[in-house]
C-alpha cells in the first residue's frame, strides 16, 4: 500500500459498495392477482374432478387484490387485454397504502 492512499476494495479504486437505485429497481418481485379463495374439508377436495366448479368468496364485479411478495398493494378489475383477447389483465382502481385496513 502506498503512503496516503487507502487500499481499494473489491471493485475499482474509489468505487462505493452501496447499491444504486437502478440496481434496486431491477430486483424482480412476484405479483399475483387474487380472484378469490375457498375453504373446504379435505374430503371434498379429494372428490373434485374435471369440470366441477369451486365457488370463490369474491363475487363477479368485485375488485380483485393485487399482491406483491405476499402484501396487498392495490385492487383492480379483471379486463381482457386489447392486443390479445385470449389473455386477461388487471386495471388498477385503488392503490392500497402501507397502513390500510383490510375491510373485507
PDB file of N, CA and C in Angstrom:
ATOM      1  N   UNK A   1       0.844  -1.160   0.000  1.00  0.00           N
ATOM      2  CA  UNK A   1       0.000   0.000   0.000  1.00  0.00           C
ATOM      3  C   UNK A   1       0.897   1.232   0.000  1.00  0.00           C
ATOM      4  N   UNK A   2       0.554   2.209  -0.815  1.00  0.00           N
ATOM      5  CA  UNK A   2       1.357   3.424  -0.851  1.00  0.00           C
ATOM      6  C   UNK A   2       0.903   4.364   0.234  1.00  0.00           C
ATOM      7  N   UNK A   3       1.791   5.184   0.645  1.00  0.00           N
ATOM      8  CA  UNK A   3       1.510   6.116   1.723  1.00  0.00           C
ATOM      9  C   UNK A   3       0.466   7.137   1.284  1.00  0.00           C
ATOM     10  N   UNK A   4      -0.536   7.418   2.170  1.00  0.00           N
ATOM     11  CA  UNK A   4      -1.545   8.430   1.882  1.00  0.00           C
ATOM     12  C   UNK A   4      -2.746   7.909   1.125  1.00  0.00           C
ATOM     13  N   UNK A   5      -2.745   6.642   0.678  1.00  0.00           N
ATOM     14  CA  UNK A   5      -3.895   6.072  -0.043  1.00  0.00           C
ATOM     15  C   UNK A   5      -4.428   4.878   0.721  1.00  0.00           C
ATOM     16  N   UNK A   6      -5.764   4.791   0.771  1.00  0.00           N
ATOM     17  CA  UNK A   6      -6.389   3.624   1.384  1.00  0.00           C
ATOM     18  C   UNK A   6      -6.436   2.513   0.336  1.00  0.00           C
ATOM     19  N   UNK A   7      -6.410   1.301   0.812  1.00  0.00           N
ATOM     20  CA  UNK A   7      -6.496   0.165  -0.104  1.00  0.00           C
ATOM     21  C   UNK A   7      -7.859   0.144  -0.772  1.00  0.00           C
ATOM     22  N   UNK A   8      -7.884  -0.143  -2.055  1.00  0.00           N
ATOM     23  CA  UNK A   8      -9.145  -0.228  -2.784  1.00  0.00           C
ATOM     24  C   UNK A   8      -9.856  -1.509  -2.409  1.00  0.00           C
ATOM     25  N   UNK A   9     -11.174  -1.455  -2.407  1.00  0.00           N
ATOM     26  CA  UNK A   9     -11.997  -2.616  -2.074  1.00  0.00           C
ATOM     27  C   UNK A   9     -12.077  -3.569  -3.238  1.00  0.00           C
ATOM     28  N   UNK A  10     -13.102  -4.432  -3.223  1.00  0.00           N
ATOM     29  CA  UNK A  10     -13.220  -5.443  -4.266  1.00  0.00           C
ATOM     30  C   UNK A  10     -13.469  -4.867  -5.652  1.00  0.00           C
ATOM     31  N   UNK A  11     -14.002  -3.650  -5.734  1.00  0.00           N
ATOM     32  CA  UNK A  11     -14.266  -3.044  -7.032  1.00  0.00           C
ATOM     33  C   UNK A  11     -13.102  -2.182  -7.456  1.00  0.00           C
ATOM     34  N   UNK A  12     -13.360  -1.228  -8.311  1.00  0.00           N
ATOM     35  CA  UNK A  12     -12.329  -0.309  -8.746  1.00  0.00           C
ATOM     36  C   UNK A  12     -12.003   0.664  -7.631  1.00  0.00           C
ATOM     37  N   UNK A  13     -10.878   1.294  -7.757  1.00  0.00           N
ATOM     38  CA  UNK A  13     -10.454   2.263  -6.753  1.00  0.00           C
ATOM     39  C   UNK A  13     -11.472   3.404  -6.694  1.00  0.00           C
ATOM     40  N   UNK A  14     -11.929   3.736  -5.491  1.00  0.00           N
ATOM     41  CA  UNK A  14     -12.881   4.817  -5.301  1.00  0.00           C
ATOM     42  C   UNK A  14     -14.331   4.410  -5.519  1.00  0.00           C
ATOM     43  N   UNK A  15     -14.584   3.184  -5.947  1.00  0.00           N
ATOM     44  CA  UNK A  15     -15.952   2.717  -6.190  1.00  0.00           C
ATOM     45  C   UNK A  15     -16.628   2.410  -4.863  1.00  0.00           C
ATOM     46  N   UNK A  16     -17.868   2.839  -4.723  1.00  0.00           N
ATOM     47  CA  UNK A  16     -18.609   2.568  -3.496  1.00  0.00           C
ATOM     48  C   UNK A  16     -19.313   1.232  -3.601  1.00  0.00           C
ATOM     49  N   UNK A  17     -19.486   0.572  -2.474  1.00  0.00           N
ATOM     50  CA  UNK A  17     -20.179  -0.717  -2.458  1.00  0.00           C
ATOM     51  C   UNK A  17     -21.659  -0.559  -2.165  1.00  0.00           C
ATOM     52  N   UNK A  18     -22.169   0.674  -2.198  1.00  0.00           N
ATOM     53  CA  UNK A  18     -23.581   0.917  -1.947  1.00  0.00           C
ATOM     54  C   UNK A  18     -24.368   0.649  -3.224  1.00  0.00           C
ATOM     55  N   UNK A  19     -25.536  -0.020  -3.104  1.00  0.00           N
ATOM     56  CA  UNK A  19     -26.333  -0.265  -4.309  1.00  0.00           C
ATOM     57  C   UNK A  19     -26.944   1.044  -4.823  1.00  0.00           C
ATOM     58  N   UNK A  20     -26.980   1.197  -6.113  1.00  0.00           N
ATOM     59  CA  UNK A  20     -27.604   2.375  -6.703  1.00  0.00           C
ATOM     60  C   UNK A  20     -29.099   2.104  -6.842  1.00  0.00           C
ATOM     61  N   UNK A  21     -29.874   3.155  -7.042  1.00  0.00           N
ATOM     62  CA  UNK A  21     -31.326   2.994  -7.206  1.00  0.00           C
ATOM     63  C   UNK A  21     -31.629   2.140  -8.436  1.00  0.00           C
ATOM     64  N   UNK A  22     -30.783   2.219  -9.473  1.00  0.00           N
ATOM     65  CA  UNK A  22     -31.007   1.408 -10.672  1.00  0.00           C
ATOM     66  C   UNK A  22     -30.892  -0.079 -10.347  1.00  0.00           C
ATOM     67  N   UNK A  23     -29.967  -0.427  -9.482  1.00  0.00           N
ATOM     68  CA  UNK A  23     -29.798  -1.821  -9.066  1.00  0.00           C
ATOM     69  C   UNK A  23     -31.035  -2.296  -8.319  1.00  0.00           C
ATOM     70  N   UNK A  24     -31.533  -1.481  -7.434  1.00  0.00           N
ATOM     71  CA  UNK A  24     -32.722  -1.838  -6.648  1.00  0.00           C
ATOM     72  C   UNK A  24     -33.942  -1.969  -7.554  1.00  0.00           C
ATOM     73  N   UNK A  25     -34.099  -1.080  -8.524  1.00  0.00           N
ATOM     74  CA  UNK A  25     -35.258  -1.116  -9.418  1.00  0.00           C
ATOM     75  C   UNK A  25     -35.271  -2.337 -10.322  1.00  0.00           C
ATOM     76  N   UNK A  26     -34.128  -3.027 -10.472  1.00  0.00           N
ATOM     77  CA  UNK A  26     -34.066  -4.238 -11.300  1.00  0.00           C
ATOM     78  C   UNK A  26     -34.368  -5.519 -10.524  1.00  0.00           C
ATOM     79  N   UNK A  27     -34.593  -5.410  -9.220  1.00  0.00           N
ATOM     80  CA  UNK A  27     -34.880  -6.602  -8.417  1.00  0.00           C
ATOM     81  C   UNK A  27     -36.262  -7.138  -8.790  1.00  0.00           C
ATOM     82  N   UNK A  28     -36.362  -8.403  -9.176  1.00  0.00           N
ATOM     83  CA  UNK A  28     -37.668  -8.957  -9.546  1.00  0.00           C
ATOM     84  C   UNK A  28     -38.541  -9.205  -8.313  1.00  0.00           C
ATOM     85  N   UNK A  29     -39.835  -8.984  -8.462  1.00  0.00           N
ATOM     86  CA  UNK A  29     -40.800  -9.285  -7.413  1.00  0.00           C
ATOM     87  C   UNK A  29     -41.900 -10.156  -8.012  1.00  0.00           C
ATOM     88  N   UNK A  30     -42.554 -10.935  -7.180  1.00  0.00           N
ATOM     89  CA  UNK A  30     -43.650 -11.791  -7.619  1.00  0.00           C
ATOM     90  C   UNK A  30     -44.957 -11.026  -7.443  1.00  0.00           C
ATOM     91  N   UNK A  31     -45.717 -10.901  -8.524  1.00  0.00           N
ATOM     92  CA  UNK A  31     -47.008 -10.216  -8.477  1.00  0.00           C
ATOM     93  C   UNK A  31     -48.100 -11.233  -8.781  1.00  0.00           C
ATOM     94  N   UNK A  32     -49.141 -11.236  -7.953  1.00  0.00           N
ATOM     95  CA  UNK A  32     -50.264 -12.139  -8.146  1.00  0.00           C
ATOM     96  C   UNK A  32     -51.559 -11.349  -8.116  1.00  0.00           C
ATOM     97  N   UNK A  33     -52.536 -11.796  -8.879  1.00  0.00           N
ATOM     98  CA  UNK A  33     -53.876 -11.231  -8.843  1.00  0.00           C
ATOM     99  C   UNK A  33     -54.770 -12.298  -8.234  1.00  0.00           C
ATOM    100  N   UNK A  34     -55.368 -11.971  -7.104  1.00  0.00           N
ATOM    101  CA  UNK A  34     -56.159 -12.950  -6.360  1.00  0.00           C
ATOM    102  C   UNK A  34     -57.633 -12.768  -6.715  1.00  0.00           C
ATOM    103  N   UNK A  35     -58.181 -13.753  -7.406  1.00  0.00           N
ATOM    104  CA  UNK A  35     -59.593 -13.722  -7.787  1.00  0.00           C
ATOM    105  C   UNK A  35     -60.503 -14.071  -6.614  1.00  0.00           C
ATOM    106  N   UNK A  36     -60.000 -14.810  -5.671  1.00  0.00           N
ATOM    107  CA  UNK A  36     -60.786 -15.223  -4.512  1.00  0.00           C
ATOM    108  C   UNK A  36     -60.198 -16.488  -3.921  1.00  0.00           C
ATOM    109  N   UNK A  37     -60.859 -16.979  -2.894  1.00  0.00           N
ATOM    110  CA  UNK A  37     -60.396 -18.209  -2.263  1.00  0.00           C
ATOM    111  C   UNK A  37     -61.607 -18.997  -1.781  1.00  0.00           C
ATOM    112  N   UNK A  38     -61.360 -20.214  -1.418  1.00  0.00           N
ATOM    113  CA  UNK A  38     -62.422 -21.091  -0.914  1.00  0.00           C
ATOM    114  C   UNK A  38     -61.840 -21.984   0.173  1.00  0.00           C
ATOM    115  N   UNK A  39     -62.665 -22.340   1.118  1.00  0.00           N
ATOM    116  CA  UNK A  39     -62.277 -23.258   2.181  1.00  0.00           C
ATOM    117  C   UNK A  39     -63.189 -24.472   2.106  1.00  0.00           C
ATOM    118  N   UNK A  40     -62.580 -25.646   2.199  1.00  0.00           N
ATOM    119  CA  UNK A  40     -63.388 -26.878   2.163  1.00  0.00           C
ATOM    120  C   UNK A  40     -62.637 -27.979   2.884  1.00  0.00           C
ATOM    121  N   UNK A  41     -63.362 -28.957   3.386  1.00  0.00           N
ATOM    122  CA  UNK A  41     -62.702 -30.106   4.019  1.00  0.00           C
ATOM    123  C   UNK A  41     -61.894 -30.907   2.989  1.00  0.00           C
ATOM    124  N   UNK A  42     -60.874 -31.575   3.458  1.00  0.00           N
ATOM    125  CA  UNK A  42     -60.032 -32.392   2.584  1.00  0.00           C
ATOM    126  C   UNK A  42     -60.873 -33.436   1.852  1.00  0.00           C
ATOM    127  N   UNK A  43     -61.872 -33.977   2.501  1.00  0.00           N
ATOM    128  CA  UNK A  43     -62.721 -34.986   1.868  1.00  0.00           C
ATOM    129  C   UNK A  43     -63.389 -34.428   0.608  1.00  0.00           C
ATOM    130  N   UNK A  44     -63.874 -33.180   0.672  1.00  0.00           N
ATOM    131  CA  UNK A  44     -64.494 -32.559  -0.504  1.00  0.00           C
ATOM    132  C   UNK A  44     -63.454 -32.247  -1.577  1.00  0.00           C
ATOM    133  N   UNK A  45     -62.279 -31.841  -1.151  1.00  0.00           N
ATOM    134  CA  UNK A  45     -61.188 -31.567  -2.080  1.00  0.00           C
ATOM    135  C   UNK A  45     -60.830 -32.836  -2.860  1.00  0.00           C
ATOM    136  N   UNK A  46     -60.791 -33.950  -2.169  1.00  0.00           N
ATOM    137  CA  UNK A  46     -60.439 -35.215  -2.807  1.00  0.00           C
ATOM    138  C   UNK A  46     -61.501 -35.672  -3.817  1.00  0.00           C
ATOM    139  N   UNK A  47     -62.726 -35.202  -3.688  1.00  0.00           N
ATOM    140  CA  UNK A  47     -63.819 -35.584  -4.590  1.00  0.00           C
ATOM    141  C   UNK A  47     -63.880 -34.712  -5.843  1.00  0.00           C
ATOM    142  N   UNK A  48     -63.098 -33.621  -5.883  1.00  0.00           N
ATOM    143  CA  UNK A  48     -63.148 -32.721  -7.037  1.00  0.00           C
ATOM    144  C   UNK A  48     -62.667 -33.436  -8.289  1.00  0.00           C
ATOM    145  N   UNK A  49     -63.330 -33.150  -9.379  1.00  0.00           N
ATOM    146  CA  UNK A  49     -62.945 -33.741 -10.658  1.00  0.00           C
ATOM    147  C   UNK A  49     -63.060 -32.716 -11.766  1.00  0.00           C
ATOM    148  N   UNK A  50     -62.641 -33.120 -12.927  1.00  0.00           N
ATOM    149  CA  UNK A  50     -62.671 -32.254 -14.099  1.00  0.00           C
ATOM    150  C   UNK A  50     -64.084 -31.734 -14.343  1.00  0.00           C
ATOM    151  N   UNK A  51     -64.190 -30.428 -14.582  1.00  0.00           N
ATOM    152  CA  UNK A  51     -65.476 -29.812 -14.898  1.00  0.00           C
ATOM    153  C   UNK A  51     -66.244 -29.301 -13.694  1.00  0.00           C
ATOM    154  N   UNK A  52     -65.833 -29.681 -12.489  1.00  0.00           N
ATOM    155  CA  UNK A  52     -66.531 -29.191 -11.304  1.00  0.00           C
ATOM    156  C   UNK A  52     -66.115 -27.754 -11.024  1.00  0.00           C
ATOM    157  N   UNK A  53     -67.040 -26.987 -10.465  1.00  0.00           N
ATOM    158  CA  UNK A  53     -66.806 -25.574 -10.183  1.00  0.00           C
ATOM    159  C   UNK A  53     -66.647 -25.385  -8.683  1.00  0.00           C
ATOM    160  N   UNK A  54     -65.625 -24.653  -8.299  1.00  0.00           N
ATOM    161  CA  UNK A  54     -65.408 -24.303  -6.896  1.00  0.00           C
ATOM    162  C   UNK A  54     -65.796 -22.833  -6.745  1.00  0.00           C
ATOM    163  N   UNK A  55     -66.796 -22.557  -5.907  1.00  0.00           N
ATOM    164  CA  UNK A  55     -67.240 -21.177  -5.679  1.00  0.00           C
ATOM    165  C   UNK A  55     -66.205 -20.440  -4.833  1.00  0.00           C
ATOM    166  N   UNK A  56     -65.867 -19.231  -5.254  1.00  0.00           N
ATOM    167  CA  UNK A  56     -64.900 -18.409  -4.533  1.00  0.00           C
ATOM    168  C   UNK A  56     -65.633 -17.374  -3.678  1.00  0.00           C
ATOM    169  N   UNK A  57     -64.901 -16.773  -2.739  1.00  0.00           N
ATOM    170  CA  UNK A  57     -65.520 -15.804  -1.841  1.00  0.00           C
ATOM    171  C   UNK A  57     -65.729 -14.422  -2.466  1.00  0.00           C
ATOM    172  N   UNK A  58     -65.126 -14.149  -3.627  1.00  0.00           N
ATOM    173  CA  UNK A  58     -65.362 -12.879  -4.330  1.00  0.00           C
ATOM    174  C   UNK A  58     -66.527 -13.055  -5.299  1.00  0.00           C
ATOM    175  N   UNK A  59     -67.271 -12.003  -5.488  1.00  0.00           N
ATOM    176  CA  UNK A  59     -68.387 -12.035  -6.438  1.00  0.00           C
ATOM    177  C   UNK A  59     -67.966 -11.350  -7.739  1.00  0.00           C
ATOM    178  N   UNK A  60     -68.691 -11.656  -8.811  1.00  0.00           N
ATOM    179  CA  UNK A  60     -68.431 -11.033 -10.107  1.00  0.00           C
ATOM    180  C   UNK A  60     -68.582  -9.517  -9.952  1.00  0.00           C
ATOM    181  N   UNK A  61     -67.631  -8.778 -10.475  1.00  0.00           N
ATOM    182  CA  UNK A  61     -67.675  -7.321 -10.409  1.00  0.00           C
ATOM    183  C   UNK A  61     -66.952  -6.723  -9.214  1.00  0.00           C
ATOM    184  N   UNK A  62     -66.646  -7.539  -8.201  1.00  0.00           N
ATOM    185  CA  UNK A  62     -65.892  -7.037  -7.048  1.00  0.00           C
ATOM    186  C   UNK A  62     -64.427  -6.879  -7.446  1.00  0.00           C
ATOM    187  N   UNK A  63     -63.750  -5.888  -6.846  1.00  0.00           N
ATOM    188  CA  UNK A  63     -62.325  -5.736  -7.167  1.00  0.00           C
ATOM    189  C   UNK A  63     -61.514  -6.947  -6.709  1.00  0.00           C
ATOM    190  N   UNK A  64     -60.463  -7.233  -7.461  1.00  0.00           N
ATOM    191  CA  UNK A  64     -59.541  -8.312  -7.102  1.00  0.00           C
ATOM    192  C   UNK A  64     -58.332  -7.699  -6.413  1.00  0.00           C
ATOM    193  N   UNK A  65     -57.650  -8.471  -5.584  1.00  0.00           N
ATOM    194  CA  UNK A  65     -56.464  -7.996  -4.887  1.00  0.00           C
ATOM    195  C   UNK A  65     -55.229  -8.209  -5.747  1.00  0.00           C
ATOM    196  N   UNK A  66     -54.361  -7.207  -5.797  1.00  0.00           N
ATOM    197  CA  UNK A  66     -53.066  -7.329  -6.449  1.00  0.00           C
ATOM    198  C   UNK A  66     -52.042  -7.444  -5.323  1.00  0.00           C
ATOM    199  N   UNK A  67     -51.335  -8.564  -5.308  1.00  0.00           N
ATOM    200  CA  UNK A  67     -50.436  -8.899  -4.208  1.00  0.00           C
ATOM    201  C   UNK A  67     -49.008  -8.957  -4.746  1.00  0.00           C
ATOM    202  N   UNK A  68     -48.089  -8.279  -4.060  1.00  0.00           N
ATOM    203  CA  UNK A  68     -46.670  -8.318  -4.415  1.00  0.00           C
ATOM    204  C   UNK A  68     -45.905  -8.813  -3.202  1.00  0.00           C
ATOM    205  N   UNK A  69     -45.192  -9.902  -3.399  1.00  0.00           N
ATOM    206  CA  UNK A  69     -44.405 -10.523  -2.325  1.00  0.00           C
ATOM    207  C   UNK A  69     -45.240 -10.724  -1.058  1.00  0.00           C
ATOM    208  N   UNK A  70     -46.479 -11.176  -1.226  1.00  0.00           N
ATOM    209  CA  UNK A  70     -47.328 -11.512  -0.089  1.00  0.00           C
ATOM    210  C   UNK A  70     -48.099 -10.355   0.519  1.00  0.00           C
ATOM    211  N   UNK A  71     -47.974  -9.157  -0.019  1.00  0.00           N
ATOM    212  CA  UNK A  71     -48.651  -7.987   0.548  1.00  0.00           C
ATOM    213  C   UNK A  71     -49.584  -7.363  -0.493  1.00  0.00           C
ATOM    214  N   UNK A  72     -50.838  -7.078  -0.087  1.00  0.00           N
ATOM    215  CA  UNK A  72     -51.783  -6.418  -0.988  1.00  0.00           C
ATOM    216  C   UNK A  72     -51.308  -4.982  -1.198  1.00  0.00           C
ATOM    217  N   UNK A  73     -51.065  -4.625  -2.475  1.00  0.00           N
ATOM    218  CA  UNK A  73     -50.598  -3.270  -2.780  1.00  0.00           C
ATOM    219  C   UNK A  73     -51.640  -2.459  -3.540  1.00  0.00           C
ATOM    220  N   UNK A  74     -52.622  -3.163  -4.137  1.00  0.00           N
ATOM    221  CA  UNK A  74     -53.626  -2.468  -4.937  1.00  0.00           C
ATOM    222  C   UNK A  74     -54.832  -3.378  -5.137  1.00  0.00           C
ATOM    223  N   UNK A  75     -55.883  -2.795  -5.673  1.00  0.00           N
ATOM    224  CA  UNK A  75     -57.072  -3.550  -6.083  1.00  0.00           C
ATOM    225  C   UNK A  75     -57.410  -3.122  -7.499  1.00  0.00           C
ATOM    226  N   UNK A  76     -58.112  -3.987  -8.219  1.00  0.00           N
ATOM    227  CA  UNK A  76     -58.432  -3.647  -9.600  1.00  0.00           C
ATOM    228  C   UNK A  76     -59.521  -4.520 -10.171  1.00  0.00           C
ATOM    229  N   UNK A  77     -59.791  -4.282 -11.453  1.00  0.00           N
ATOM    230  CA  UNK A  77     -60.814  -5.023 -12.186  1.00  0.00           C
ATOM    231  C   UNK A  77     -60.142  -5.897 -13.235  1.00  0.00           C
ATOM    232  N   UNK A  78     -60.663  -7.106 -13.398  1.00  0.00           N
ATOM    233  CA  UNK A  78     -60.146  -8.013 -14.421  1.00  0.00           C
ATOM    234  C   UNK A  78     -60.643  -7.514 -15.775  1.00  0.00           C
ATOM    235  N   UNK A  79     -59.728  -7.434 -16.746  1.00  0.00           N
ATOM    236  CA  UNK A  79     -60.060  -6.979 -18.092  1.00  0.00           C
ATOM    237  C   UNK A  79     -59.467  -7.950 -19.106  1.00  0.00           C
ATOM    238  N   UNK A  80     -59.938  -7.866 -20.333  1.00  0.00           N
ATOM    239  CA  UNK A  80     -59.352  -8.618 -21.435  1.00  0.00           C
ATOM    240  C   UNK A  80     -58.322  -7.701 -22.084  1.00  0.00           C
ATOM    241  N   UNK A  81     -57.126  -8.220 -22.335  1.00  0.00           N
ATOM    242  CA  UNK A  81     -56.044  -7.432 -22.922  1.00  0.00           C
ATOM    243  C   UNK A  81     -56.415  -7.057 -24.358  1.00  0.00           C
ATOM    244  N   UNK A  82     -56.295  -5.774 -24.707  1.00  0.00           N
ATOM    245  CA  UNK A  82     -56.687  -5.278 -26.033  1.00  0.00           C
ATOM    246  C   UNK A  82     -55.958  -5.977 -27.174  1.00  0.00           C
ATOM    247  N   UNK A  83     -54.644  -6.141 -27.034  1.00  0.00           N
ATOM    248  CA  UNK A  83     -53.836  -6.701 -28.118  1.00  0.00           C
ATOM    249  C   UNK A  83     -54.008  -8.205 -28.285  1.00  0.00           C
ATOM    250  N   UNK A  84     -54.516  -8.877 -27.267  1.00  0.00           N
ATOM    251  CA  UNK A  84     -54.599 -10.337 -27.294  1.00  0.00           C
ATOM    252  C   UNK A  84     -55.822 -10.767 -26.494  1.00  0.00           C
ATOM    253  N   UNK A  85     -56.929 -10.982 -27.168  1.00  0.00           N
ATOM    254  CA  UNK A  85     -58.190 -11.279 -26.477  1.00  0.00           C
ATOM    255  C   UNK A  85     -58.197 -12.634 -25.779  1.00  0.00           C
ATOM    256  N   UNK A  86     -57.121 -13.393 -25.912  1.00  0.00           N
ATOM    257  CA  UNK A  86     -57.041 -14.670 -25.203  1.00  0.00           C
ATOM    258  C   UNK A  86     -56.360 -14.517 -23.852  1.00  0.00           C
ATOM    259  N   UNK A  87     -56.008 -13.270 -23.479  1.00  0.00           N
ATOM    260  CA  UNK A  87     -55.303 -13.035 -22.214  1.00  0.00           C
ATOM    261  C   UNK A  87     -56.081 -12.058 -21.346  1.00  0.00           C
ATOM    262  N   UNK A  88     -55.976 -12.280 -20.032  1.00  0.00           N
ATOM    263  CA  UNK A  88     -56.567 -11.374 -19.059  1.00  0.00           C
ATOM    264  C   UNK A  88     -55.502 -10.411 -18.565  1.00  0.00           C
ATOM    265  N   UNK A  89     -55.968  -9.280 -18.066  1.00  0.00           N
ATOM    266  CA  UNK A  89     -55.107  -8.317 -17.406  1.00  0.00           C
ATOM    267  C   UNK A  89     -55.875  -7.765 -16.220  1.00  0.00           C
ATOM    268  N   UNK A  90     -55.300  -6.792 -15.556  1.00  0.00           N
ATOM    269  CA  UNK A  90     -55.997  -6.163 -14.437  1.00  0.00           C
ATOM    270  C   UNK A  90     -55.812  -4.659 -14.555  1.00  0.00           C
ATOM    271  N   UNK A  91     -56.902  -3.929 -14.400  1.00  0.00           N
ATOM    272  CA  UNK A  91     -56.876  -2.471 -14.430  1.00  0.00           C
ATOM    273  C   UNK A  91     -56.918  -1.983 -12.984  1.00  0.00           C
ATOM    274  N   UNK A  92     -55.889  -1.267 -12.560  1.00  0.00           N
ATOM    275  CA  UNK A  92     -55.807  -0.821 -11.169  1.00  0.00           C
ATOM    276  C   UNK A  92     -56.875   0.238 -10.893  1.00  0.00           C
ATOM    277  N   UNK A  93     -57.621   0.045  -9.827  1.00  0.00           N
ATOM    278  CA  UNK A  93     -58.658   1.010  -9.433  1.00  0.00           C
ATOM    279  C   UNK A  93     -58.362   1.659  -8.097  1.00  0.00           C
ATOM    280  N   UNK A  94     -57.478   1.044  -7.317  1.00  0.00           N
ATOM    281  CA  UNK A  94     -57.169   1.570  -5.984  1.00  0.00           C
ATOM    282  C   UNK A  94     -55.760   1.138  -5.601  1.00  0.00           C
ATOM    283  N   UNK A  95     -54.970   2.092  -5.148  1.00  0.00           N
ATOM    284  CA  UNK A  95     -53.649   1.790  -4.601  1.00  0.00           C
ATOM    285  C   UNK A  95     -53.810   1.731  -3.093  1.00  0.00           C
ATOM    286  N   UNK A  96     -53.369   0.636  -2.494  1.00  0.00           N
ATOM    287  CA  UNK A  96     -53.530   0.433  -1.059  1.00  0.00           C
ATOM    288  C   UNK A  96     -52.319   1.021  -0.349  1.00  0.00           C
ATOM    289  N   UNK A  97     -52.554   1.884   0.632  1.00  0.00           N
ATOM    290  CA  UNK A  97     -51.472   2.500   1.386  1.00  0.00           C
ATOM    291  C   UNK A  97     -50.834   1.501   2.340  1.00  0.00           C
ATOM    292  N   UNK A  98     -49.673   1.846   2.893  1.00  0.00           N
ATOM    293  CA  UNK A  98     -48.938   0.926   3.754  1.00  0.00           C
ATOM    294  C   UNK A  98     -49.677   0.595   5.050  1.00  0.00           C
ATOM    295  N   UNK A  99     -50.574   1.453   5.489  1.00  0.00           N
ATOM    296  CA  UNK A  99     -51.280   1.216   6.745  1.00  0.00           C
ATOM    297  C   UNK A  99     -52.773   0.991   6.529  1.00  0.00           C
ATOM    298  N   UNK A 100     -53.160   0.603   5.318  1.00  0.00           N
ATOM    299  CA  UNK A 100     -54.574   0.410   5.013  1.00  0.00           C
ATOM    300  C   UNK A 100     -55.112  -0.798   5.781  1.00  0.00           C
ATOM    301  N   UNK A 101     -56.350  -0.671   6.217  1.00  0.00           N
ATOM    302  CA  UNK A 101     -57.017  -1.764   6.941  1.00  0.00           C
ATOM    303  C   UNK A 101     -57.851  -2.523   5.931  1.00  0.00           C
ATOM    304  N   UNK A 102     -57.718  -3.845   5.912  1.00  0.00           N
ATOM    305  CA  UNK A 102     -58.500  -4.685   5.006  1.00  0.00           C
ATOM    306  C   UNK A 102     -59.908  -4.765   5.539  1.00  0.00           C
ATOM    307  N   UNK A 103     -60.865  -4.202   4.804  1.00  0.00           N
ATOM    308  CA  UNK A 103     -62.237  -4.129   5.272  1.00  0.00           C
ATOM    309  C   UNK A 103     -63.113  -5.242   4.741  1.00  0.00           C
ATOM    310  N   UNK A 104     -62.488  -6.298   4.222  1.00  0.00           N
ATOM    311  CA  UNK A 104     -63.288  -7.414   3.688  1.00  0.00           C
ATOM    312  C   UNK A 104     -63.570  -8.410   4.771  1.00  0.00           C
TER     313      UNK A 104
END
